[in-house]
Amino acid sequence: MNSVESTKYRKTLETAGVPPEQATAHADALGEVLESLASKAWVKAELAQQLGDLKFDMLKWMISLFIAQTSLTIGAVIAIVRYLPH
């Protein structure tokens, strides 16, 4: 919370009858909480990006393994057909 909002919040509390020391403590505490929330939003954005990267890596591996498995299956079928007695 910037200093203008903090001062306005403190004055609002004082107008409502909160002692000045307590109003200042409330304004400081709220400022710290709001700064913490901003960092949590950043963390969420970073996690979303990492999750997107992870999904891409998993998809890449799944496609590669699918191609390898299909190739092995086709090779095995060809080998069986080739070496079976006619």
Foldseek 3Di string as FASTA:
>chain_A
DDPVVLVVQLVVVVVVPDDSVVSNVVSVVVVVVVVVVVVVVVVVVVVVVVVVVVVVVVVVVVVVVVVVVVVVVVVVVVVCVVPDDD
